[in-house]
Amino acid sequence: MKYWQKARNCRKYEREDGMFVYLITVNGEDVEVSAEVYQAYAQADRRERYQAERDTGIVLSLNKLAEDEMQLSYLTDKHIESAEDATFRDILSQQAMQAFGCLAPEEQHLIRSLIIDGVTERDYAADFGISQVAVHKRKQRILRKIQNILDFEVISPPVFWDGQ
């Protein structure tokens, strides 16, 4: 057992039958909990230890995170998108809107209903008196049309700086 594991008030062990038991110590008593509760508790405990170590100036390593069975993303509360990813996403969104504008009005209506509004193919078919299979085929044809307009096969992230 590693030094920090001795002070933890949560642990798991494997029974003889191969099943895992997850325990959290509450007021000096061990309480058996589900795997989900254990994992959430362990993540919170690791985040708290990380904050304490950071405040005392102890350097964390990725090896230590791996030993703790923790992913780096657990230490932050939210994901921050990079400027490059945001720009690329915006460019793709603009291109998708331009491609959407190239569609016929009935094609736009079908895509808007199914993808944006979340209408099921079955409900859309019932509203227009056609089969669900026909709606599905139309949707696939329109999506291929959008893909051809966007020419996804050659799209690459934009180059803003050539390094010179």
Protein backbone atom coordinates (compact mmCIF):
# COMPACT_ATOMS: atom_id res chain seq x y z
CA MET A 1 0.00 0.00 0.00
CA LYS A 2 1.34 3.40 -0.93
CA TYR A 3 1.80 6.07 1.74
CA TRP A 4 -1.20 8.13 0.70
CA GLN A 5 -3.52 5.10 0.52
CA LYS A 6 -3.16 4.49 4.26
CA ALA A 7 -4.75 7.86 5.03
CA ARG A 8 -7.63 7.44 2.56
CA ASN A 9 -11.08 6.79 3.85
CA CYS A 10 -12.16 4.93 0.72
CA ARG A 11 -10.85 1.67 -0.66
CA LYS A 12 -11.78 -1.29 -2.79
CA TYR A 13 -10.86 -4.92 -2.52
CA GLU A 14 -11.58 -8.11 -4.39
CA ARG A 15 -13.53 -10.88 -2.70
CA GLU A 16 -12.68 -14.56 -3.20
CA ASP A 17 -15.50 -14.88 -5.76
CA GLY A 18 -13.84 -12.20 -7.93
CA MET A 19 -16.35 -9.43 -7.19
CA PHE A 20 -15.12 -6.05 -5.97
CA VAL A 21 -16.33 -4.46 -2.75
CA TYR A 22 -16.18 -0.66 -2.45
CA LEU A 23 -15.93 0.85 1.02
CA ILE A 24 -16.03 4.40 2.33
CA THR A 25 -15.27 5.13 5.98
CA VAL A 26 -17.92 7.36 7.55
CA ASN A 27 -17.66 8.31 11.23
CA GLY A 28 -15.22 5.47 11.82
CA GLU A 29 -17.43 2.80 10.21
CA ASP A 30 -16.94 1.18 6.82
CA VAL A 31 -19.95 1.58 4.54
CA GLU A 32 -20.27 -0.50 1.38
CA VAL A 33 -21.18 1.62 -1.65
CA SER A 34 -21.69 1.13 -5.38
CA ALA A 35 -18.82 1.44 -7.85
CA GLU A 36 -20.22 4.76 -9.13
CA VAL A 37 -20.37 6.29 -5.64
CA TYR A 38 -16.89 5.00 -4.87
CA GLN A 39 -15.45 6.45 -8.08
CA ALA A 40 -17.08 9.84 -7.53
CA TYR A 41 -15.80 9.91 -3.95
CA ALA A 42 -12.29 8.82 -4.98
CA GLN A 43 -12.17 11.50 -7.70
CA ALA A 44 -13.21 14.19 -5.23
CA ASP A 45 -10.61 12.91 -2.76
CA ARG A 46 -7.91 13.00 -5.44
CA ARG A 47 -8.90 16.50 -6.49
CA GLU A 48 -8.68 17.64 -2.85
CA ARG A 49 -5.24 16.03 -2.42
CA TYR A 50 -4.11 17.65 -5.68
CA GLN A 51 -5.19 21.07 -4.43
CA ALA A 52 -3.38 20.53 -1.12
CA GLU A 53 -0.21 19.35 -2.87
CA ARG A 54 -0.34 22.29 -5.26
CA ASP A 55 -0.79 24.71 -2.38
CA THR A 56 2.25 23.27 -0.55
CA GLY A 57 4.40 23.37 -3.69
CA ILE A 58 4.73 19.62 -4.16
CA VAL A 59 5.09 18.83 -7.85
CA LEU A 60 2.63 16.34 -9.28
CA SER A 61 3.67 13.95 -11.98
CA LEU A 62 1.67 12.13 -14.61
CA ASN A 63 3.12 8.89 -13.25
CA LYS A 64 1.58 9.62 -9.87
CA LEU A 65 -1.78 10.30 -11.49
CA ALA A 66 -1.51 6.96 -13.29
CA GLU A 67 -0.66 5.21 -10.01
CA ASP A 68 -3.76 6.80 -8.48
CA GLU A 69 -5.79 5.54 -11.46
CA MET A 70 -6.85 9.12 -12.18
CA GLN A 71 -7.17 10.90 -15.49
CA LEU A 72 -5.84 14.41 -15.86
CA SER A 73 -9.31 15.68 -16.80
CA TYR A 74 -10.60 14.73 -13.32
CA LEU A 75 -8.52 17.52 -11.80
CA THR A 76 -10.37 20.26 -13.60
CA ASP A 77 -14.04 21.11 -13.35
CA LYS A 78 -14.51 21.99 -16.99
CA HIS A 79 -12.88 21.61 -20.38
CA ILE A 80 -11.51 24.78 -21.91
CA GLU A 81 -11.54 24.74 -25.69
CA SER A 82 -8.37 25.95 -27.38
CA ALA A 83 -8.51 29.01 -29.61
CA GLU A 84 -7.54 26.86 -32.61
CA ASP A 85 -10.34 24.36 -31.94
CA ALA A 86 -12.88 27.16 -31.47
CA THR A 87 -11.82 28.83 -34.70
CA PHE A 88 -11.91 25.57 -36.63
CA ARG A 89 -15.36 24.76 -35.18
CA ASP A 90 -16.62 28.22 -36.19
CA ILE A 91 -15.29 27.84 -39.74
CA LEU A 92 -16.92 24.42 -40.08
CA SER A 93 -20.18 25.83 -38.71
CA GLN A 94 -20.13 28.63 -41.27
CA GLN A 95 -19.40 26.17 -44.07
CA ALA A 96 -22.22 23.89 -42.88
CA MET A 97 -24.66 26.82 -42.84
CA GLN A 98 -23.60 27.79 -46.37
CA ALA A 99 -24.10 24.18 -47.52
CA PHE A 100 -27.49 24.13 -45.78
CA GLY A 101 -28.45 27.26 -47.73
CA CYS A 102 -27.75 25.42 -51.00
CA LEU A 103 -30.49 22.89 -50.25
CA ALA A 104 -34.01 23.10 -51.64
CA PRO A 105 -36.64 24.36 -49.15
CA GLU A 106 -38.17 20.89 -48.65
CA GLU A 107 -34.70 19.43 -48.03
CA GLN A 108 -33.96 22.16 -45.49
CA HIS A 109 -37.28 21.43 -43.77
CA LEU A 110 -36.53 17.71 -43.51
CA ILE A 111 -33.02 18.23 -42.12
CA ARG A 112 -34.16 20.98 -39.74
CA SER A 113 -36.98 18.77 -38.45
CA LEU A 114 -34.96 15.58 -38.02
CA ILE A 115 -31.60 16.92 -36.89
CA ILE A 116 -32.21 20.28 -35.26
CA ASP A 117 -35.76 19.86 -33.88
CA GLY A 118 -35.30 16.19 -33.00
CA VAL A 119 -38.43 14.90 -34.78
CA THR A 120 -38.24 11.15 -35.36
CA GLU A 121 -38.28 9.76 -38.87
CA ARG A 122 -41.47 7.88 -37.99
CA ASP A 123 -43.26 11.05 -36.81
CA TYR A 124 -42.07 13.03 -39.83
CA ALA A 125 -43.31 10.27 -42.14
CA ALA A 126 -46.71 10.20 -40.43
CA ASP A 127 -47.06 13.99 -40.76
CA PHE A 128 -46.42 13.85 -44.53
CA GLY A 129 -48.14 10.53 -45.31
CA ILE A 130 -45.01 8.72 -46.48
CA SER A 131 -43.11 5.72 -45.14
CA GLN A 132 -40.36 5.96 -42.55
CA VAL A 133 -38.03 4.20 -45.00
CA ALA A 134 -38.66 6.95 -47.58
CA VAL A 135 -37.86 9.62 -44.99
CA HIS A 136 -34.67 7.81 -44.01
CA LYS A 137 -33.53 7.49 -47.64
CA ARG A 138 -34.24 11.19 -48.28
CA LYS A 139 -32.32 12.16 -45.18
CA GLN A 140 -29.32 10.04 -46.22
CA ARG A 141 -29.41 11.51 -49.76
CA ILE A 142 -29.53 15.07 -48.39
CA LEU A 143 -26.67 14.42 -45.94
CA ARG A 144 -24.55 13.02 -48.79
CA LYS A 145 -25.41 16.16 -50.77
CA ILE A 146 -24.23 18.34 -47.87
CA GLN A 147 -21.08 16.24 -47.57
CA ASN A 148 -20.36 16.71 -51.26
CA ILE A 149 -20.88 20.47 -50.94
CA LEU A 150 -18.50 20.64 -48.01
CA ASP A 151 -16.09 18.21 -49.68
CA PHE A 152 -15.12 16.73 -46.29
CA GLU A 153 -12.50 14.53 -47.86
CA VAL A 154 -10.09 17.45 -48.34
CA ILE A 155 -11.03 19.73 -45.44
CA SER A 156 -8.15 20.38 -43.09
CA PRO A 157 -7.66 22.84 -40.26
CA PRO A 158 -6.91 26.33 -41.55
CA VAL A 159 -3.31 27.49 -41.55
CA PHE A 160 -2.99 30.90 -39.88
CA TRP A 161 0.78 31.02 -39.64
CA ASP A 162 3.32 29.24 -41.76
CA GLY A 163 6.11 29.36 -39.18
CA GLN A 164 8.31 31.87 -41.02
